[in-house]
Protein backbone atom coordinates (compact mmCIF):
# COMPACT_ATOMS: atom_id res chain seq x y z
CA MET A 1 136.40 81.46 132.86
CA GLU A 2 133.08 80.08 130.73
CA LYS A 3 130.52 83.03 130.46
CA ASP A 4 127.04 82.88 131.33
CA ALA A 5 124.31 82.51 128.05
CA ILE A 6 122.10 85.35 127.77
CA VAL A 7 118.89 84.09 127.72
CA ILE A 8 115.87 86.00 125.69
CA ALA A 9 112.84 85.75 125.92
CA VAL A 10 109.22 86.92 125.44
CA GLY A 11 108.50 90.58 125.92
CA GLN A 12 112.30 92.31 125.83
CA ILE A 13 113.81 94.34 123.56
CA VAL A 14 116.01 93.12 120.77
CA ASP A 15 117.70 95.87 118.79
CA LEU A 16 118.67 93.95 115.10
CA ASN A 17 121.43 94.68 112.22
CA ASP A 18 118.49 95.94 110.66
CA ASN A 19 119.22 99.48 112.78
CA LYS A 20 115.36 98.87 114.45
CA SER A 21 114.14 97.37 117.43
CA TYR A 22 111.83 94.54 118.05
CA VAL A 23 110.29 92.88 121.01
CA ILE A 24 109.88 89.66 121.49
CA THR A 25 106.25 88.79 121.18
CA GLU A 26 106.49 85.03 121.23
CA ILE A 27 108.88 82.13 121.36
CA VAL A 28 108.27 78.69 120.33
CA ASN A 29 110.90 75.08 119.60
CA TYR A 30 111.08 73.36 115.71
CA ASN A 31 113.86 70.74 115.69
CA ASN A 32 115.76 71.81 118.85
CA SER A 33 115.65 75.39 117.75
CA ARG A 34 113.87 78.47 119.63
CA TYR A 35 112.63 80.77 116.78
CA CYS A 36 110.90 84.36 118.09
CA TYR A 37 108.60 85.96 116.64
CA LEU A 38 109.28 89.99 116.73
CA ILE A 39 107.73 93.31 115.82
CA GLU A 40 108.69 96.13 115.33
CA VAL A 41 108.27 99.24 117.92
CA ASP A 42 109.78 102.61 117.89
CA ALA A 43 111.32 104.66 120.56
CA GLU A 44 108.85 105.06 122.75
CA GLU A 45 108.44 101.58 122.22
CA ASN A 46 104.99 101.19 119.84
CA VAL A 47 104.21 98.52 117.91
CA LYS A 48 104.65 99.02 114.29
CA ASP A 49 103.19 97.11 111.10
CA THR A 50 106.53 95.31 110.59
CA TYR A 51 106.98 91.83 112.31
CA LEU A 52 110.07 89.06 112.06
CA ILE A 53 110.35 85.48 112.65
CA ALA A 54 113.78 84.56 113.56
CA LYS A 55 116.32 81.83 114.65
CA GLU A 56 117.87 81.86 117.96
CA ILE A 57 121.22 80.58 117.52
CA ILE A 58 123.92 80.66 120.57
CA VAL A 59 127.69 80.97 119.83
CA ASP A 60 130.09 80.64 122.41
CA GLY A 61 127.35 82.46 125.41
CA ASP A 62 126.49 84.96 122.50
CA VAL A 63 122.71 85.19 121.28
CA TYR A 64 121.94 85.86 118.03
CA LEU A 65 119.03 85.77 115.81
CA LEU A 66 119.25 84.86 112.45
CA ASP A 67 116.67 84.91 108.99
CA ILE A 68 115.35 81.49 107.88
CA GLU A 69 116.70 80.69 104.83
CA ASP A 70 114.41 77.59 104.38
CA GLN A 71 110.74 77.90 103.24
CA ALA A 72 110.58 74.93 104.51
CA GLU A 73 111.30 75.34 107.61
CA TYR A 74 109.47 78.92 108.57
CA THR A 75 106.52 77.54 106.80
CA ALA A 76 106.46 74.60 109.16
CA VAL A 77 107.63 77.68 111.76
CA LEU A 78 104.79 79.98 111.33
CA GLN A 79 102.28 77.53 111.48
CA LEU A 80 103.23 76.69 115.67
CA PHE A 81 103.10 80.83 115.69
CA LYS A 82 99.95 80.90 114.13
CA ASP A 83 98.67 77.86 116.36
CA ALA A 84 100.36 79.12 119.15
CA LEU A 85 98.91 82.77 119.80
CA LEU A 86 95.05 81.44 118.38
């Protein structure tokens, strides 16, 4: 039996491997991949001053948010977020 892929969405709170929680504030597409703009939140879901941009990867129906290691890719995606948020 095939399991359904988990879908992430704007407004969703996710826990990452750094043991911190983040709210997804925006999602953009670039080169056939999805990228999330994340802002750290505390236990009461108050916004903190840490943000991340992560690439969504789906493996066997499981969703992973990974760091962007390629600087050119990161710069291009950051510009898309700037355009979307302004």
